[in-house]
Amino acid sequence: MDNNKLLYDQKKQDPSLKLFVVLSKAYRSVADQVSADIRAKGLNTTDFGVMELLYHQGDQALQKIGDKILLASGSITYVVDKLEKKGYVKRVPCPTDRRITFASITDKGTDLLNDIFPNHWKQIEAITSGLNTEEKEQTIELLKKLGTYADRLK
């Protein structure tokens, strides 16, 4: 048997590639559904991500937002500018360090999320209802384990 055939047979038995493909397709399917729901509310996923972060975790330094919602630092200014023009977010200077500026959700932004978040949550529940509660919890733990391991490889 030639070495390429042997290597192919070994790889065929290893589910790593299949896991990657299935994980990627599942993520895309779920993300597309969530994105469509957010767009129906007049926002894009990045705008919503920033607003949701501020809504749930309070004021955030602009420099830290990108790390928390996986957004490139150059994009943060653009997103915050757009949200500020719509009246959903405002910039607040740090009182102790002039180099730091915080983003803060406004009352208008809070009202918008109070209005749309309950239905958004229901939509996410519907999208993930293909798994029961125990399966969701198992999936969360397995994906955390996979992500933590992958982060250590950097």
N, C-alpha and C. Protein backbone atom coordinates (compact mmCIF):
# COMPACT_ATOMS: atom_id res chain seq x y z
N MET A 1 0.86 -1.19 0.00
CA MET A 1 0.00 0.00 0.00
C MET A 1 0.89 1.24 0.00
N ASP A 2 0.58 2.18 -0.83
CA ASP A 2 1.44 3.35 -0.89
C ASP A 2 1.17 4.27 0.31
N ASN A 3 2.17 5.08 0.64
CA ASN A 3 2.10 5.94 1.83
C ASN A 3 0.96 6.93 1.78
N ASN A 4 0.66 7.47 0.59
CA ASN A 4 -0.44 8.43 0.46
C ASN A 4 -1.78 7.79 0.79
N LYS A 5 -1.97 6.57 0.35
CA LYS A 5 -3.22 5.84 0.63
C LYS A 5 -3.35 5.58 2.13
N LEU A 6 -2.25 5.15 2.76
CA LEU A 6 -2.24 4.88 4.19
C LEU A 6 -2.56 6.17 4.97
N LEU A 7 -1.91 7.26 4.58
CA LEU A 7 -2.15 8.56 5.24
C LEU A 7 -3.61 8.99 5.05
N TYR A 8 -4.14 8.82 3.85
CA TYR A 8 -5.53 9.17 3.57
C TYR A 8 -6.48 8.34 4.44
N ASP A 9 -6.23 7.06 4.57
CA ASP A 9 -7.08 6.18 5.39
C ASP A 9 -7.04 6.60 6.85
N GLN A 10 -5.84 6.97 7.34
CA GLN A 10 -5.73 7.42 8.74
C GLN A 10 -6.51 8.72 8.95
N LYS A 11 -6.37 9.65 8.01
CA LYS A 11 -7.07 10.93 8.13
C LYS A 11 -8.58 10.74 8.02
N LYS A 12 -8.99 9.78 7.20
CA LYS A 12 -10.41 9.53 7.02
C LYS A 12 -11.04 9.06 8.34
N GLN A 13 -10.28 8.36 9.15
CA GLN A 13 -10.78 7.85 10.43
C GLN A 13 -10.79 8.93 11.51
N ASP A 14 -9.96 9.96 11.34
CA ASP A 14 -9.87 11.05 12.30
C ASP A 14 -11.01 12.04 12.02
N PRO A 15 -11.87 12.31 13.00
CA PRO A 15 -13.03 13.19 12.75
C PRO A 15 -12.70 14.69 12.83
N SER A 16 -11.44 15.08 12.95
CA SER A 16 -11.08 16.49 13.14
C SER A 16 -11.60 17.38 12.01
N LEU A 17 -11.35 16.98 10.76
CA LEU A 17 -11.79 17.79 9.64
C LEU A 17 -13.31 17.86 9.58
N LYS A 18 -13.97 16.73 9.82
CA LYS A 18 -15.44 16.72 9.80
C LYS A 18 -15.98 17.63 10.91
N LEU A 19 -15.37 17.58 12.10
CA LEU A 19 -15.78 18.46 13.19
C LEU A 19 -15.68 19.91 12.76
N PHE A 20 -14.56 20.27 12.14
CA PHE A 20 -14.36 21.65 11.71
C PHE A 20 -15.44 22.07 10.70
N VAL A 21 -15.72 21.22 9.73
CA VAL A 21 -16.71 21.54 8.70
C VAL A 21 -18.10 21.66 9.32
N VAL A 22 -18.48 20.70 10.16
CA VAL A 22 -19.81 20.73 10.79
C VAL A 22 -19.94 21.95 11.70
N LEU A 23 -18.90 22.24 12.48
CA LEU A 23 -18.92 23.40 13.37
C LEU A 23 -19.06 24.68 12.56
N SER A 24 -18.32 24.79 11.47
CA SER A 24 -18.39 25.98 10.62
C SER A 24 -19.78 26.15 10.01
N LYS A 25 -20.35 25.07 9.50
CA LYS A 25 -21.68 25.16 8.88
C LYS A 25 -22.75 25.48 9.92
N ALA A 26 -22.64 24.88 11.10
CA ALA A 26 -23.62 25.15 12.16
C ALA A 26 -23.53 26.62 12.59
N TYR A 27 -22.30 27.11 12.77
CA TYR A 27 -22.12 28.50 13.15
C TYR A 27 -22.74 29.43 12.10
N ARG A 28 -22.45 29.16 10.83
CA ARG A 28 -22.98 30.00 9.76
C ARG A 28 -24.50 29.99 9.76
N SER A 29 -25.11 28.82 9.92
CA SER A 29 -26.57 28.73 9.92
C SER A 29 -27.18 29.52 11.07
N VAL A 30 -26.63 29.35 12.26
CA VAL A 30 -27.14 30.05 13.44
C VAL A 30 -26.88 31.55 13.29
N ALA A 31 -25.67 31.92 12.90
CA ALA A 31 -25.32 33.34 12.77
C ALA A 31 -26.19 34.03 11.73
N ASP A 32 -26.47 33.35 10.62
CA ASP A 32 -27.33 33.94 9.58
C ASP A 32 -28.73 34.22 10.12
N GLN A 33 -29.27 33.30 10.90
CA GLN A 33 -30.60 33.49 11.49
C GLN A 33 -30.60 34.66 12.47
N VAL A 34 -29.59 34.71 13.33
CA VAL A 34 -29.50 35.79 14.33
C VAL A 34 -29.31 37.13 13.62
N SER A 35 -28.45 37.13 12.61
CA SER A 35 -28.19 38.36 11.86
C SER A 35 -29.46 38.88 11.19
N ALA A 36 -30.24 37.99 10.61
CA ALA A 36 -31.49 38.39 9.97
C ALA A 36 -32.44 39.01 11.00
N ASP A 37 -32.48 38.42 12.20
CA ASP A 37 -33.35 38.96 13.25
C ASP A 37 -32.90 40.36 13.66
N ILE A 38 -31.59 40.55 13.79
CA ILE A 38 -31.06 41.86 14.19
C ILE A 38 -31.31 42.89 13.09
N ARG A 39 -31.07 42.52 11.84
CA ARG A 39 -31.31 43.44 10.72
C ARG A 39 -32.78 43.86 10.65
N ALA A 40 -33.67 42.94 11.00
CA ALA A 40 -35.10 43.27 11.00
C ALA A 40 -35.41 44.36 12.03
N LYS A 41 -34.53 44.53 12.99
CA LYS A 41 -34.71 45.57 14.02
C LYS A 41 -34.02 46.87 13.63
N GLY A 42 -33.40 46.91 12.43
CA GLY A 42 -32.78 48.14 11.96
C GLY A 42 -31.33 48.32 12.36
N LEU A 43 -30.69 47.25 12.82
CA LEU A 43 -29.28 47.32 13.22
C LEU A 43 -28.51 46.25 12.46
N ASN A 44 -27.18 46.37 12.47
CA ASN A 44 -26.37 45.26 11.99
C ASN A 44 -25.78 44.55 13.20
N THR A 45 -25.16 43.41 12.98
CA THR A 45 -24.71 42.61 14.13
C THR A 45 -23.62 43.31 14.94
N THR A 46 -22.78 44.08 14.29
CA THR A 46 -21.72 44.79 15.01
C THR A 46 -22.32 45.88 15.90
N ASP A 47 -23.23 46.68 15.34
CA ASP A 47 -23.89 47.72 16.13
C ASP A 47 -24.59 47.09 17.33
N PHE A 48 -25.32 46.02 17.06
CA PHE A 48 -26.05 45.33 18.12
C PHE A 48 -25.09 44.79 19.17
N GLY A 49 -23.96 44.22 18.73
CA GLY A 49 -22.98 43.67 19.66
C GLY A 49 -22.43 44.72 20.61
N VAL A 50 -22.10 45.89 20.06
CA VAL A 50 -21.60 46.99 20.91
C VAL A 50 -22.68 47.43 21.88
N MET A 51 -23.89 47.64 21.38
CA MET A 51 -24.98 48.10 22.26
C MET A 51 -25.31 47.06 23.33
N GLU A 52 -25.32 45.81 22.94
CA GLU A 52 -25.62 44.74 23.90
C GLU A 52 -24.56 44.68 25.00
N LEU A 53 -23.29 44.83 24.61
CA LEU A 53 -22.20 44.85 25.59
C LEU A 53 -22.41 45.99 26.59
N LEU A 54 -22.68 47.18 26.09
CA LEU A 54 -22.87 48.34 26.97
C LEU A 54 -24.13 48.18 27.82
N TYR A 55 -25.15 47.62 27.25
CA TYR A 55 -26.43 47.40 27.95
C TYR A 55 -26.24 46.45 29.13
N HIS A 56 -25.51 45.36 28.90
CA HIS A 56 -25.36 44.33 29.94
C HIS A 56 -24.18 44.56 30.88
N GLN A 57 -23.13 45.21 30.39
CA GLN A 57 -21.92 45.33 31.22
C GLN A 57 -21.54 46.76 31.57
N GLY A 58 -22.35 47.72 31.13
CA GLY A 58 -22.09 49.11 31.48
C GLY A 58 -21.03 49.73 30.59
N ASP A 59 -20.62 50.95 30.95
CA ASP A 59 -19.65 51.70 30.16
C ASP A 59 -18.39 50.87 29.93
N GLN A 60 -17.82 51.03 28.72
CA GLN A 60 -16.62 50.29 28.35
C GLN A 60 -15.64 51.25 27.69
N ALA A 61 -14.35 51.07 28.02
CA ALA A 61 -13.31 51.82 27.32
C ALA A 61 -13.34 51.42 25.85
N LEU A 62 -13.27 52.40 24.96
CA LEU A 62 -13.31 52.11 23.53
C LEU A 62 -12.24 51.08 23.16
N GLN A 63 -11.08 51.18 23.79
CA GLN A 63 -9.97 50.28 23.48
C GLN A 63 -10.28 48.83 23.85
N LYS A 64 -11.20 48.61 24.76
CA LYS A 64 -11.51 47.25 25.24
C LYS A 64 -12.69 46.61 24.53
N ILE A 65 -13.49 47.41 23.85
CA ILE A 65 -14.69 46.88 23.20
C ILE A 65 -14.33 45.83 22.15
N GLY A 66 -13.31 46.12 21.36
CA GLY A 66 -12.92 45.20 20.30
C GLY A 66 -12.59 43.81 20.82
N ASP A 67 -11.90 43.74 21.94
CA ASP A 67 -11.55 42.45 22.54
C ASP A 67 -12.80 41.69 22.97
N LYS A 68 -13.77 42.42 23.46
CA LYS A 68 -14.95 41.77 24.03
C LYS A 68 -15.95 41.31 22.98
N ILE A 69 -15.98 41.96 21.82
CA ILE A 69 -16.94 41.53 20.80
C ILE A 69 -16.24 41.15 19.49
N LEU A 70 -14.94 40.91 19.56
CA LEU A 70 -14.16 40.46 18.40
C LEU A 70 -14.28 41.44 17.23
N LEU A 71 -13.93 42.68 17.51
CA LEU A 71 -14.01 43.73 16.51
C LEU A 71 -12.64 44.40 16.41
N ALA A 72 -12.16 44.61 15.20
CA ALA A 72 -10.87 45.26 15.00
C ALA A 72 -10.90 46.67 15.58
N SER A 73 -9.80 47.08 16.18
CA SER A 73 -9.78 48.37 16.88
C SER A 73 -10.11 49.53 15.94
N GLY A 74 -9.70 49.46 14.67
CA GLY A 74 -10.02 50.51 13.73
C GLY A 74 -11.50 50.64 13.45
N SER A 75 -12.23 49.57 13.61
CA SER A 75 -13.67 49.58 13.34
C SER A 75 -14.47 50.15 14.50
N ILE A 76 -13.92 50.11 15.68
CA ILE A 76 -14.66 50.55 16.87
C ILE A 76 -15.06 52.01 16.74
N THR A 77 -14.13 52.86 16.32
CA THR A 77 -14.42 54.29 16.19
C THR A 77 -15.57 54.49 15.21
N TYR A 78 -15.52 53.80 14.08
CA TYR A 78 -16.57 53.91 13.06
C TYR A 78 -17.92 53.49 13.62
N VAL A 79 -17.97 52.35 14.31
CA VAL A 79 -19.23 51.83 14.86
C VAL A 79 -19.78 52.78 15.92
N VAL A 80 -18.92 53.23 16.81
CA VAL A 80 -19.36 54.14 17.87
C VAL A 80 -19.82 55.46 17.27
N ASP A 81 -19.13 55.93 16.24
CA ASP A 81 -19.57 57.17 15.56
C ASP A 81 -20.99 57.00 15.02
N LYS A 82 -21.25 55.88 14.34
CA LYS A 82 -22.60 55.63 13.79
C LYS A 82 -23.65 55.58 14.89
N LEU A 83 -23.34 54.85 15.95
CA LEU A 83 -24.30 54.71 17.05
C LEU A 83 -24.51 56.04 17.78
N GLU A 84 -23.47 56.83 17.85
CA GLU A 84 -23.57 58.15 18.48
C GLU A 84 -24.47 59.07 17.64
N LYS A 85 -24.32 59.03 16.32
CA LYS A 85 -25.17 59.85 15.44
C LYS A 85 -26.64 59.47 15.56
N LYS A 86 -26.90 58.19 15.82
CA LYS A 86 -28.29 57.73 15.98
C LYS A 86 -28.82 58.01 17.39
N GLY A 87 -27.92 58.46 18.29
CA GLY A 87 -28.34 58.77 19.65
C GLY A 87 -28.39 57.57 20.58
N TYR A 88 -27.82 56.44 20.18
CA TYR A 88 -27.87 55.22 20.99
C TYR A 88 -26.70 55.10 21.97
N VAL A 89 -25.60 55.76 21.65
CA VAL A 89 -24.38 55.65 22.44
C VAL A 89 -23.77 57.04 22.56
N LYS A 90 -23.06 57.28 23.64
CA LYS A 90 -22.31 58.53 23.77
C LYS A 90 -20.91 58.22 24.29
N ARG A 91 -20.00 59.12 23.99
CA ARG A 91 -18.63 59.00 24.49
C ARG A 91 -18.53 59.76 25.82
N VAL A 92 -17.80 59.16 26.74
CA VAL A 92 -17.61 59.79 28.05
C VAL A 92 -16.11 59.76 28.36
N PRO A 93 -15.49 60.93 28.55
CA PRO A 93 -14.06 60.94 28.86
C PRO A 93 -13.80 60.35 30.24
N CYS A 94 -12.69 59.64 30.36
CA CYS A 94 -12.30 59.10 31.67
C CYS A 94 -11.84 60.26 32.54
N PRO A 95 -12.36 60.34 33.77
CA PRO A 95 -11.99 61.47 34.64
C PRO A 95 -10.55 61.41 35.14
N THR A 96 -9.93 60.24 35.10
CA THR A 96 -8.58 60.10 35.66
C THR A 96 -7.48 59.91 34.62
N ASP A 97 -7.86 59.65 33.36
CA ASP A 97 -6.87 59.41 32.31
C ASP A 97 -7.40 59.93 30.99
N ARG A 98 -6.81 61.05 30.52
CA ARG A 98 -7.31 61.70 29.30
C ARG A 98 -7.16 60.83 28.06
N ARG A 99 -6.32 59.80 28.12
CA ARG A 99 -6.11 58.92 26.96
C ARG A 99 -7.27 57.94 26.77
N ILE A 100 -8.11 57.81 27.77
CA ILE A 100 -9.17 56.81 27.73
C ILE A 100 -10.53 57.49 27.54
N THR A 101 -11.30 56.94 26.63
CA THR A 101 -12.67 57.38 26.42
C THR A 101 -13.57 56.16 26.54
N PHE A 102 -14.67 56.34 27.24
CA PHE A 102 -15.63 55.26 27.42
C PHE A 102 -16.79 55.43 26.46
N ALA A 103 -17.38 54.32 26.07
CA ALA A 103 -18.65 54.34 25.36
C ALA A 103 -19.72 54.01 26.39
N SER A 104 -20.81 54.72 26.32
CA SER A 104 -21.90 54.55 27.26
C SER A 104 -23.21 54.50 26.49
N ILE A 105 -24.08 53.58 26.84
CA ILE A 105 -25.38 53.50 26.16
C ILE A 105 -26.27 54.62 26.70
N THR A 106 -27.01 55.26 25.81
CA THR A 106 -27.90 56.35 26.19
C THR A 106 -29.27 55.78 26.58
N ASP A 107 -30.11 56.66 27.09
CA ASP A 107 -31.48 56.24 27.40
C ASP A 107 -32.19 55.75 26.14
N LYS A 108 -31.95 56.43 25.01
CA LYS A 108 -32.56 56.01 23.75
C LYS A 108 -32.07 54.60 23.36
N GLY A 109 -30.77 54.34 23.54
CA GLY A 109 -30.23 53.02 23.23
C GLY A 109 -30.79 51.96 24.17
N THR A 110 -30.91 52.31 25.44
CA THR A 110 -31.48 51.38 26.42
C THR A 110 -32.93 51.08 26.09
N ASP A 111 -33.68 52.12 25.73
CA ASP A 111 -35.08 51.90 25.35
C ASP A 111 -35.20 50.98 24.15
N LEU A 112 -34.31 51.17 23.16
CA LEU A 112 -34.33 50.32 21.98
C LEU A 112 -34.07 48.86 22.36
N LEU A 113 -33.04 48.63 23.17
CA LEU A 113 -32.73 47.24 23.56
C LEU A 113 -33.81 46.67 24.46
N ASN A 114 -34.37 47.48 25.34
CA ASN A 114 -35.49 46.99 26.16
C ASN A 114 -36.65 46.55 25.28
N ASP A 115 -36.81 47.25 24.16
CA ASP A 115 -37.90 46.93 23.23
C ASP A 115 -37.60 45.67 22.40
N ILE A 116 -36.37 45.55 21.91
CA ILE A 116 -36.09 44.45 20.98
C ILE A 116 -35.49 43.21 21.62
N PHE A 117 -34.85 43.34 22.79
CA PHE A 117 -34.13 42.19 23.34
C PHE A 117 -35.02 41.01 23.72
N PRO A 118 -36.18 41.22 24.33
CA PRO A 118 -37.00 40.04 24.67
C PRO A 118 -37.35 39.18 23.45
N ASN A 119 -37.72 39.81 22.33
CA ASN A 119 -38.03 39.04 21.12
C ASN A 119 -36.77 38.45 20.50
N HIS A 120 -35.66 39.16 20.61
CA HIS A 120 -34.39 38.64 20.10
C HIS A 120 -34.02 37.37 20.86
N TRP A 121 -34.18 37.41 22.17
CA TRP A 121 -33.89 36.25 23.01
C TRP A 121 -34.78 35.06 22.59
N LYS A 122 -36.07 35.35 22.38
CA LYS A 122 -36.99 34.28 21.94
C LYS A 122 -36.54 33.70 20.60
N GLN A 123 -36.05 34.56 19.71
CA GLN A 123 -35.57 34.10 18.41
C GLN A 123 -34.36 33.17 18.58
N ILE A 124 -33.45 33.54 19.48
CA ILE A 124 -32.29 32.69 19.73
C ILE A 124 -32.73 31.36 20.35
N GLU A 125 -33.70 31.42 21.25
CA GLU A 125 -34.23 30.17 21.82
C GLU A 125 -34.81 29.29 20.72
N ALA A 126 -35.54 29.89 19.79
CA ALA A 126 -36.13 29.12 18.69
C ALA A 126 -35.05 28.52 17.78
N ILE A 127 -34.03 29.32 17.49
CA ILE A 127 -32.94 28.86 16.62
C ILE A 127 -32.21 27.68 17.25
N THR A 128 -32.02 27.72 18.56
CA THR A 128 -31.24 26.67 19.25
C THR A 128 -32.12 25.55 19.80
N SER A 129 -33.42 25.58 19.50
CA SER A 129 -34.31 24.58 20.07
C SER A 129 -34.14 23.19 19.45
N GLY A 130 -33.21 23.06 18.50
CA GLY A 130 -32.87 21.75 17.98
C GLY A 130 -32.13 20.90 19.00
N LEU A 131 -31.67 21.54 20.07
CA LEU A 131 -31.01 20.84 21.18
C LEU A 131 -31.84 21.03 22.44
N ASN A 132 -31.90 20.00 23.28
CA ASN A 132 -32.57 20.17 24.57
C ASN A 132 -31.60 20.85 25.54
N THR A 133 -32.05 21.18 26.73
CA THR A 133 -31.25 21.93 27.69
C THR A 133 -29.94 21.21 28.02
N GLU A 134 -30.02 19.92 28.26
CA GLU A 134 -28.81 19.16 28.59
C GLU A 134 -27.82 19.17 27.43
N GLU A 135 -28.31 19.02 26.22
CA GLU A 135 -27.44 19.04 25.04
C GLU A 135 -26.80 20.42 24.86
N LYS A 136 -27.56 21.48 25.13
CA LYS A 136 -27.01 22.83 25.05
C LYS A 136 -25.87 23.00 26.06
N GLU A 137 -26.10 22.55 27.28
CA GLU A 137 -25.07 22.67 28.32
C GLU A 137 -23.82 21.86 27.96
N GLN A 138 -24.01 20.66 27.42
CA GLN A 138 -22.87 19.83 27.00
C GLN A 138 -22.12 20.52 25.85
N THR A 139 -22.86 21.07 24.91
CA THR A 139 -22.25 21.75 23.78
C THR A 139 -21.45 22.96 24.24
N ILE A 140 -22.01 23.72 25.16
CA ILE A 140 -21.30 24.89 25.72
C ILE A 140 -19.97 24.45 26.32
N GLU A 141 -19.99 23.42 27.14
CA GLU A 141 -18.76 22.96 27.78
C GLU A 141 -17.74 22.45 26.76
N LEU A 142 -18.20 21.70 25.78
CA LEU A 142 -17.29 21.16 24.77
C LEU A 142 -16.69 22.28 23.91
N LEU A 143 -17.51 23.25 23.53
CA LEU A 143 -16.99 24.35 22.71
C LEU A 143 -16.04 25.24 23.51
N LYS A 144 -16.31 25.44 24.79
CA LYS A 144 -15.38 26.19 25.64
C LYS A 144 -14.04 25.46 25.71
N LYS A 145 -14.10 24.16 25.90
CA LYS A 145 -12.89 23.34 25.98
C LYS A 145 -12.09 23.45 24.68
N LEU A 146 -12.78 23.34 23.54
CA LEU A 146 -12.14 23.42 22.25
C LEU A 146 -11.52 24.82 22.03
N GLY A 147 -12.29 25.85 22.34
CA GLY A 147 -11.81 27.22 22.17
C GLY A 147 -10.63 27.54 23.07
N THR A 148 -10.68 27.10 24.32
CA THR A 148 -9.59 27.35 25.26
C THR A 148 -8.31 26.67 24.77
N TYR A 149 -8.46 25.43 24.31
CA TYR A 149 -7.29 24.71 23.79
C TYR A 149 -6.73 25.41 22.56
N ALA A 150 -7.60 25.81 21.64
CA ALA A 150 -7.15 26.48 20.42
C ALA A 150 -6.44 27.79 20.75
N ASP A 151 -6.94 28.53 21.76
CA ASP A 151 -6.29 29.80 22.18
C ASP A 151 -4.89 29.56 22.70
N ARG A 152 -4.68 28.44 23.37
CA ARG A 152 -3.35 28.13 23.92
C ARG A 152 -2.34 27.81 22.82
N LEU A 153 -2.81 27.45 21.64
CA LEU A 153 -1.91 27.11 20.54
C LEU A 153 -1.30 28.34 19.88
N LYS A 154 -1.82 29.52 20.16
CA LYS A 154 -1.35 30.77 19.52
C LYS A 154 0.10 31.02 19.86
